Protein backbone atom coordinates (compact mmCIF):
# COMPACT_ATOMS: atom_id res chain seq x y z
CA MET A 1 14.84 6.81 30.74
CA PRO A 2 16.30 5.40 33.99
CA LEU A 3 19.71 3.84 33.90
CA SER A 4 19.61 0.05 33.85
CA ARG A 5 20.64 -1.69 37.07
CA GLN A 6 20.52 -5.18 35.62
CA PRO A 7 24.06 -6.63 35.45
CA THR A 8 24.68 -7.72 31.86
CA PRO A 9 27.15 -10.61 31.46
CA GLN A 10 29.69 -8.26 29.85
CA ARG A 11 29.39 -5.71 32.64
CA LYS A 12 29.63 -8.35 35.35
CA GLU A 13 32.73 -9.82 33.71
CA PHE A 14 34.36 -6.40 33.47
CA VAL A 15 33.68 -5.61 37.14
CA GLU A 16 35.10 -8.96 38.20
CA ARG A 17 38.27 -8.35 36.14
CA PHE A 18 38.61 -4.85 37.54
CA GLU A 19 38.26 -6.10 41.11
CA GLU A 20 40.90 -8.76 40.52
CA GLN A 21 43.34 -6.17 39.13
CA LEU A 22 42.61 -3.77 41.96
CA LEU A 23 43.21 -6.46 44.61
CA TRP A 24 46.47 -7.46 42.91
CA PHE A 25 47.64 -3.84 42.95
CA MET A 26 46.62 -3.29 46.58
CA ARG A 27 48.69 -6.26 47.71
CA HIS A 28 51.73 -4.19 46.85
CA LEU A 29 50.65 -1.15 48.90
CA ASP A 30 50.77 -0.39 52.61
CA ARG A 31 47.56 0.56 54.40
CA PRO A 32 47.76 4.39 54.03
CA ALA A 33 48.57 4.10 50.30
CA ALA A 34 45.73 1.60 49.80
CA LEU A 35 43.24 3.90 51.54
CA ALA A 36 44.42 6.86 49.44
CA LEU A 37 44.00 4.83 46.24
CA LEU A 38 40.47 3.77 47.17
CA ALA A 39 39.57 7.36 48.08
CA ASP A 40 40.83 8.61 44.70
CA LEU A 41 38.88 5.91 42.87
CA SER A 42 35.73 6.67 44.87
CA ASP A 43 35.95 10.41 44.13
CA SER A 44 36.60 9.79 40.44
CA LEU A 45 33.68 7.37 40.11
CA ALA A 46 31.39 9.73 42.01
CA ARG A 47 32.26 12.61 39.66
CA GLU A 48 31.72 10.46 36.59
CA ARG A 49 28.42 9.10 37.88
CA GLY A 50 27.26 12.61 38.79
CA ALA A 51 28.07 13.93 35.31
CA ILE A 52 26.17 11.07 33.68
CA LEU A 53 23.14 11.54 35.93
CA ASN A 54 23.07 15.28 35.18
CA MET A 55 23.12 14.54 31.45
CA GLU A 56 20.34 11.98 31.86
CA LYS A 57 18.24 14.48 33.81
CA SER A 58 18.59 17.12 31.08
CA ARG A 59 17.85 14.55 28.42
CA THR A 60 14.74 13.23 30.20
CA GLU A 61 13.38 16.75 30.55
CA MET A 62 13.87 17.45 26.84
CA LEU A 63 12.27 14.16 25.81
CA ALA A 64 9.24 15.03 27.93
CA ARG A 65 8.97 18.35 26.09
CA VAL A 66 8.79 16.51 22.76
CA THR A 67 5.55 14.74 23.65
CA GLN A 68 3.94 18.01 24.80
CA SER A 69 5.10 20.27 21.99
CA SER A 70 2.78 21.62 19.31
CA SER A 71 5.41 23.65 17.46
CA TYR A 72 7.73 22.41 14.72
CA ALA A 73 10.18 25.20 15.61
CA GLU A 74 10.29 24.01 19.21
CA LEU A 75 10.87 20.43 18.06
CA HIS A 76 13.78 21.70 15.96
CA ASP A 77 15.29 23.46 18.99
CA ILE A 78 14.93 20.28 21.05
CA GLU A 79 16.56 18.24 18.28
CA GLN A 80 19.52 20.60 18.24
CA ALA A 81 19.86 20.53 22.03
CA LEU A 82 19.68 16.74 22.19
CA THR A 83 22.28 16.42 19.43
CA ALA A 84 24.60 18.74 21.37
CA LEU A 85 24.05 16.61 24.47
CA GLU A 86 24.93 13.42 22.58
CA ILE A 87 28.11 15.08 21.27
CA ALA A 88 29.15 15.98 24.82
CA ARG A 89 28.38 12.51 26.07
CA PHE A 90 30.29 10.84 23.24
CA LEU A 91 33.36 13.02 23.74
CA SER A 92 33.20 12.16 27.42
CA CYS A 93 33.00 8.37 27.15
CA GLY A 94 33.34 7.45 23.44
CA SER A 95 30.50 4.91 23.51
CA VAL A 96 29.29 4.07 20.01
CA THR A 97 26.33 2.01 21.21
CA GLY A 98 25.44 4.69 23.76
CA LEU A 99 25.24 7.31 21.02
CA HIS A 100 23.25 4.95 18.77
CA ARG A 101 20.71 4.34 21.50
CA GLY A 102 20.41 7.99 22.48
CA CYS A 103 20.05 9.37 18.93
CA THR A 104 17.65 6.64 17.82
CA GLU A 105 15.41 7.14 20.86
CA TYR A 106 15.03 10.89 20.60
CA ARG A 107 14.63 10.87 16.82
CA ASP A 108 11.90 8.24 17.09
CA LEU A 109 10.07 10.49 19.54
CA LEU A 110 10.52 13.54 17.31
CA ALA A 111 9.32 11.63 14.24
CA ALA A 112 6.30 10.25 16.11
CA ARG A 113 5.33 13.69 17.42
CA THR A 114 5.77 15.23 13.96
CA LEU A 115 3.60 12.47 12.50
CA ALA A 116 0.83 13.25 14.99
CA MET A 117 1.06 16.99 14.39
CA VAL A 118 0.83 16.52 10.60
CA GLY A 119 -2.36 14.51 11.11
CA GLU A 120 -3.77 17.32 13.25
CA GLU A 121 -2.73 19.89 10.66
CA LEU A 122 -4.48 18.05 7.83
CA GLU A 123 -7.61 17.59 9.91
CA ALA A 124 -7.63 21.30 10.81
CA ARG A 125 -7.53 22.31 7.15
CA GLY A 126 -10.46 20.07 6.32
CA ASP A 127 -8.82 16.92 4.96
CA GLY A 128 -10.14 14.78 7.79
CA ALA A 129 -8.49 12.07 9.86
CA PRO A 130 -6.45 9.25 8.29
CA PRO A 131 -9.00 7.03 6.49
CA ARG A 132 -7.10 3.79 7.25
CA PRO A 133 -4.70 2.60 9.98
CA PHE A 134 -1.13 3.31 8.93
CA ALA A 135 2.47 3.17 10.12
CA LEU A 136 5.73 5.01 9.68
CA ILE A 137 8.66 2.63 9.14
CA SER A 138 12.33 3.61 9.12
CA MET A 139 15.19 2.09 7.14
CA GLY A 140 18.92 2.69 6.80
CA SER A 141 20.85 3.55 9.96
CA ASP A 142 17.61 4.49 11.70
CA GLY A 143 16.06 1.13 10.83
CA ARG A 144 19.13 -0.58 12.32
CA GLU A 145 18.87 1.56 15.48
CA GLU A 146 22.26 2.99 14.56
CA GLN A 147 21.43 6.68 14.36
CA THR A 148 24.38 9.04 14.63
CA LEU A 149 24.76 12.82 14.81
CA VAL A 150 23.96 13.49 11.14
CA THR A 151 20.68 12.07 9.87
CA ASP A 152 18.32 12.22 6.94
CA GLN A 153 14.88 10.85 6.20
CA ASP A 154 14.80 7.15 5.36
CA TYR A 155 11.12 6.42 5.87
CA LEU A 156 8.21 4.65 4.22
CA ILE A 157 4.49 4.65 4.93
CA VAL A 158 2.19 1.65 4.73
CA TYR A 159 -1.56 1.74 5.28
CA ALA A 160 -4.31 -0.85 5.52
CA ASP A 161 -6.11 -2.05 2.40
CA GLY A 162 -9.66 -1.07 1.62
CA GLY A 163 -9.45 2.71 1.28
CA GLY A 164 -9.30 2.89 -2.50
CA GLU A 165 -8.24 6.01 -4.37
CA ALA A 166 -9.43 8.26 -1.56
CA ALA A 167 -6.93 6.68 0.84
CA ASP A 168 -4.17 6.88 -1.77
CA GLU A 169 -4.84 10.58 -2.25
CA TYR A 170 -5.01 11.29 1.49
CA PHE A 171 -1.69 9.58 2.19
CA ARG A 172 -0.09 11.35 -0.77
CA SER A 173 -0.95 14.70 0.82
CA PHE A 174 -0.02 13.40 4.27
CA SER A 175 3.37 12.12 3.10
CA GLU A 176 4.29 15.27 1.20
CA LEU A 177 3.50 17.44 4.22
CA LEU A 178 5.26 15.02 6.59
CA VAL A 179 8.52 15.21 4.62
CA GLU A 180 8.46 19.01 4.73
CA ARG A 181 7.68 19.13 8.46
CA LEU A 182 10.38 16.58 9.30
CA ALA A 183 12.85 18.76 7.40
CA GLU A 184 11.77 21.72 9.55
CA VAL A 185 12.35 19.68 12.69
CA GLY A 186 15.89 18.77 11.64
CA PHE A 187 15.60 15.61 9.54
CA ALA A 188 17.33 16.43 6.27
CA LYS A 189 15.65 15.22 3.09
CA CYS A 190 17.13 12.01 1.75
CA THR A 191 19.37 12.67 -1.26
CA GLY A 192 18.33 9.26 -2.60
CA ASP A 193 14.63 10.21 -2.29
CA ILE A 194 13.87 7.36 0.13
CA MET A 195 10.91 9.24 1.60
CA PRO A 196 7.15 8.66 1.56
CA SER A 197 6.65 11.73 -0.65
CA ASN A 198 8.12 9.46 -3.36
CA PRO A 199 5.31 7.06 -4.40
CA THR A 200 7.86 4.21 -4.39
CA TRP A 201 7.99 4.52 -0.61
CA ARG A 202 4.33 4.62 0.33
CA GLY A 203 1.33 2.44 -0.37
CA SER A 204 -1.30 0.11 0.97
CA ARG A 205 -0.37 -3.35 2.14
CA GLN A 206 -1.51 -4.85 -1.18
CA GLN A 207 0.39 -2.23 -3.17
CA TRP A 208 3.54 -3.04 -1.22
CA LYS A 209 3.03 -6.76 -1.87
CA GLN A 210 2.71 -6.15 -5.61
CA ARG A 211 5.79 -3.93 -5.57
CA LEU A 212 7.87 -6.56 -3.78
CA MET A 213 6.63 -9.28 -6.12
CA ALA A 214 7.67 -7.22 -9.14
CA ILE A 215 11.16 -6.71 -7.71
CA VAL A 216 11.88 -10.36 -6.92
CA ARG A 217 10.45 -11.51 -10.27
CA TYR A 218 12.61 -9.02 -12.20
CA GLU A 219 9.56 -7.26 -13.62
CA TYR A 220 11.15 -3.83 -13.25
CA GLU A 221 13.63 -2.57 -15.84
CA GLU A 222 16.04 -0.94 -13.36
CA TYR A 223 17.21 -4.16 -11.71
CA ALA A 224 20.17 -2.63 -9.85
CA LYS A 225 18.04 0.16 -8.36
CA ASN A 226 15.26 -2.18 -7.32
CA LEU A 227 17.72 -4.65 -5.81
CA MET A 228 19.13 -1.77 -3.76
CA ASP A 229 15.60 -0.84 -2.68
CA LEU A 230 15.11 -4.39 -1.40
CA ILE A 231 18.43 -4.20 0.45
CA VAL A 232 17.25 -0.97 2.08
CA LEU A 233 13.97 -2.65 3.07
CA SER A 234 15.96 -5.36 4.87
CA ASP A 235 16.51 -2.87 7.70
CA ALA A 236 12.84 -1.88 8.06
CA ARG A 237 11.78 -1.02 11.64
CA PHE A 238 8.53 0.29 13.14
CA VAL A 239 8.67 3.90 14.37
CA ALA A 240 5.13 5.19 14.85
CA GLY A 241 1.48 4.61 14.01
CA ASP A 242 -0.15 1.19 13.92
CA ARG A 243 2.40 -1.39 15.07
CA ALA A 244 0.44 -4.34 13.64
CA ILE A 245 0.34 -2.81 10.15
CA ALA A 246 4.12 -2.27 10.31
CA ALA A 247 4.81 -5.78 11.61
CA ASP A 248 2.78 -7.28 8.78
CA LEU A 249 4.79 -5.45 6.08
CA ILE A 250 8.13 -6.22 7.74
CA GLU A 251 7.21 -9.92 7.89
CA LEU A 252 6.21 -9.77 4.22
CA ILE A 253 9.61 -8.29 3.31
CA HIS A 254 11.43 -11.05 5.19
CA ASP A 255 9.28 -13.72 3.51
CA PHE A 256 10.13 -12.41 0.04
CA GLU A 257 13.84 -12.30 0.81
CA GLN A 258 13.77 -15.88 2.10
CA SER A 259 11.64 -17.25 -0.72
CA TYR A 260 13.68 -16.04 -3.69
CA PHE A 261 17.28 -17.22 -3.62
CA GLN A 262 18.22 -15.18 -6.66
CA VAL A 263 17.44 -12.06 -4.64
CA LEU A 264 19.78 -13.15 -1.84
CA TRP A 265 22.40 -14.07 -4.44
CA GLY A 266 22.12 -10.64 -6.04
CA MET A 267 22.41 -8.96 -2.65
CA ALA A 268 25.46 -11.10 -1.81
CA ARG A 269 27.15 -10.25 -5.09
CA ALA A 270 26.58 -6.54 -4.53
CA ALA A 271 28.04 -6.85 -1.01
CA THR A 272 31.16 -8.72 -2.05
CA GLU A 273 31.87 -6.34 -4.92
CA MET A 274 32.10 -3.34 -2.57
CA LYS A 275 35.65 -2.05 -2.39
CA VAL A 276 37.37 -2.18 1.01
CA GLY A 277 39.98 0.42 1.97
CA LEU A 278 43.06 -1.76 1.72
CA GLY A 279 45.86 -1.45 -0.82
CA MET A 280 47.59 -4.34 -2.60
CA LEU A 281 50.23 -4.56 0.13
CA GLY A 282 47.68 -4.52 2.94
CA GLY A 283 48.01 -0.88 3.97
CA LEU A 284 45.18 1.65 4.11
CA TRP A 285 44.03 2.77 0.66
CA THR A 286 43.69 6.52 0.15
CA ASP A 287 42.75 8.72 -2.80
CA ARG A 288 45.74 9.28 -5.06
CA SER A 289 44.61 12.64 -6.46
CA GLY A 290 41.88 15.26 -6.28
CA GLU A 291 40.57 17.25 -3.35
CA HIS A 292 40.68 14.19 -1.07
CA LYS A 293 44.23 13.15 -1.96
CA GLY A 294 45.80 11.16 0.85
CA LYS A 295 42.47 10.57 2.59
CA LEU A 296 40.29 7.50 3.08
CA ASN A 297 36.52 7.46 2.47
CA LEU A 298 35.67 5.79 5.75
CA LYS A 299 31.99 5.29 5.02
CA LEU A 300 32.27 3.96 1.48
CA LEU A 301 35.37 1.80 1.95
CA GLY A 302 34.89 0.49 5.48
CA TRP A 303 31.70 1.06 7.37
CA ALA A 304 29.25 0.45 4.50
CA PRO A 305 30.84 -2.85 3.32
CA LEU A 306 30.82 -4.15 6.91
CA VAL A 307 27.15 -3.32 7.47
CA MET A 308 26.19 -4.66 4.03
CA ASN A 309 28.00 -7.98 4.36
CA VAL A 310 26.74 -8.64 7.88
CA ARG A 311 23.24 -7.89 6.61
CA ILE A 312 23.52 -10.54 3.89
CA LEU A 313 24.48 -13.29 6.32
CA ALA A 314 21.74 -12.26 8.75
CA VAL A 315 19.04 -12.18 6.05
CA ASN A 316 20.23 -15.56 4.75
CA MET A 317 19.81 -17.14 8.21
CA GLY A 318 16.36 -15.54 8.62
CA ALA A 319 17.33 -13.24 11.48
CA THR A 320 14.72 -10.54 12.13
CA ALA A 321 17.11 -8.25 14.05
CA THR A 322 18.24 -5.22 12.05
CA ASN A 323 20.99 -3.87 14.32
CA THR A 324 24.48 -4.78 13.02
CA LEU A 325 25.95 -5.78 16.39
CA LYS A 326 22.84 -7.84 17.22
CA ARG A 327 23.08 -9.51 13.82
CA ILE A 328 26.71 -10.44 14.50
CA ALA A 329 25.74 -11.89 17.88
CA LEU A 330 22.96 -13.95 16.30
CA LEU A 331 25.31 -15.21 13.59
CA GLN A 332 27.71 -16.38 16.28
CA GLU A 333 24.87 -17.98 18.24
CA ASP A 334 23.81 -19.82 15.09
CA LYS A 335 27.45 -20.92 14.56
CA ARG A 336 27.69 -19.10 11.23
CA LEU A 337 30.49 -17.06 12.72
CA SER A 338 33.11 -18.34 15.12
CA PRO A 339 33.46 -16.48 18.45
CA ALA A 340 36.80 -15.11 17.23
CA ASN A 341 35.36 -13.86 13.92
CA ALA A 342 32.35 -12.35 15.67
CA ALA A 343 34.60 -10.52 18.13
CA GLU A 344 36.73 -9.18 15.27
CA LEU A 345 33.68 -7.89 13.40
CA GLN A 346 32.21 -6.30 16.51
CA GLU A 347 35.49 -4.53 17.17
CA ALA A 348 35.69 -3.46 13.52
CA TYR A 349 32.21 -1.98 13.77
CA HIS A 350 33.12 -0.01 16.91
CA VAL A 351 36.37 1.27 15.37
CA LEU A 352 34.86 2.33 12.04
CA THR A 353 31.76 3.88 13.59
CA ARG A 354 33.75 5.73 16.26
CA HIS A 355 35.84 7.42 13.56
CA ARG A 356 32.67 8.23 11.58
CA ILE A 357 31.14 9.93 14.62
CA LEU A 358 34.32 11.92 15.28
CA LEU A 359 34.26 13.09 11.65
CA GLN A 360 30.62 14.13 12.06
CA ILE A 361 31.52 16.16 15.13
CA CYS A 362 34.34 17.77 13.17
CA LYS A 363 31.92 18.76 10.39
CA LEU A 364 29.21 20.00 12.75
CA ARG A 365 31.75 22.24 14.43
CA GLY A 366 32.92 23.59 11.06
CA GLU A 367 36.41 22.13 11.51
CA CYS A 368 36.31 20.00 8.34
CA ALA A 369 34.48 20.05 5.02
CA ASP A 370 32.74 16.66 5.16
CA SER A 371 32.13 13.70 7.44
CA TYR A 372 33.30 10.94 5.09
CA TYR A 373 37.04 11.38 4.53
CA LEU A 374 39.62 10.52 7.18
CA ASP A 375 43.27 11.53 6.93
CA PRO A 376 45.36 8.62 8.27
CA GLU A 377 48.14 11.12 9.00
CA THR A 378 46.04 12.43 11.90
CA LEU A 379 46.07 9.01 13.58
CA SER A 380 48.63 7.56 15.94
CA ASP A 381 50.44 4.42 14.81
CA ALA A 382 48.22 2.34 17.11
CA GLU A 383 45.02 3.96 15.78
CA GLU A 384 46.10 3.44 12.18
CA GLU A 385 46.84 -0.23 12.81
CA GLU A 386 43.50 -0.61 14.61
CA LEU A 387 41.74 0.85 11.59
CA ARG A 388 43.72 -1.35 9.19
CA GLN A 389 42.76 -4.45 11.18
CA ALA A 390 39.11 -3.40 10.98
CA MET A 391 39.41 -3.25 7.18
CA VAL A 392 41.05 -6.69 7.14
CA SER A 393 38.08 -8.10 9.11
CA VAL A 394 35.66 -6.67 6.52
CA ARG A 395 37.68 -8.09 3.63
CA ASP A 396 37.79 -11.52 5.29
CA LEU A 397 34.01 -11.41 5.76
CA GLN A 398 33.58 -10.74 2.05
CA LYS A 399 35.64 -13.86 1.31
CA VAL A 400 33.29 -15.94 3.48
CA ILE A 401 30.25 -14.64 1.61
CA ARG A 402 31.86 -15.22 -1.80
CA THR A 403 32.41 -18.83 -0.79
CA ASN A 404 28.94 -19.34 0.68
CA PHE A 405 27.13 -17.82 -2.30
CA SER A 406 29.67 -18.75 -5.00
CA THR A 407 29.71 -15.20 -6.30
CA MET A 408 33.22 -15.39 -7.79
């Protein structure tokens, strides 16, 4: 994918600030020193740009191979190579959104190619072509376009009505094979079983409508589990297949969430009850005993509550965007968040996610046991305070939601 040349407002503002600072500095230099400074800057920028372009070239070549491949083993090798490339790029520039975009793009391509190959495999063994139009939809981090270096399968399948039991049986076989092939390619199976091989996560459009209706009308016994399923569905995003079929189900999900206030209230209560990693005196909370003594569960106590609480506000306002940073921007645009609060939450997201990615790199390299627990002792004073402020922003957001939904 070519690099964008369109000047975003943020980029234009940064360049203008940089030019102002550079001109101020040059006023204090004589001509030879000014020329030397500009030469150093030019060389440095040229090296950085060259490195980025080389990475983009390698990445483009590998993405092209995905669409041509007919081997699951080859797709796995490409997945590994692209992940390594994203690690190198992140360590070079530290861009959270850059890594999100890169990982989401190549995993979408890999999933789409795997989907097509599974269809070909079933047809070759005599099961025929898909009897109805269908779509693969992602949820979780993938649905929010927030893929990172460690991923699992958070997918559902929806297909058009009218196929009867024959269609149900075909898509059962299709889904079970798809999950196995995705695992071969490098998409770990979801530990929560949010995969189309689980009948909860596949069905015709009408079956999905009945399922959603049962959840919002409390017809299922396991209320907490089904509420969590609906929360997961809030991040649904089209990946491959028939885009219209996917769009129809995603619109149906949004309609149900908007039409039943008790569902939103339940989601809000779940979000505000999530523990945030701050102690009673405002410092970072860490485990007091056990194998993680002195460490902070960054995902459970920081990142997840932020994503969850932003999601609630976005769903409540009817926003269709699933990405957390886009949701924050829309909430500010709709005046549900002040510019200052929005900026704090955006910074909190970058801080928490950056540490999560660094932990993932640590685990992938075999340097630590898991990618969830962060030892504050490894941080500088400035980094620790930055992380603490991120937690404060999440806690303050929870207070806003408690007030708005009266969940106290």
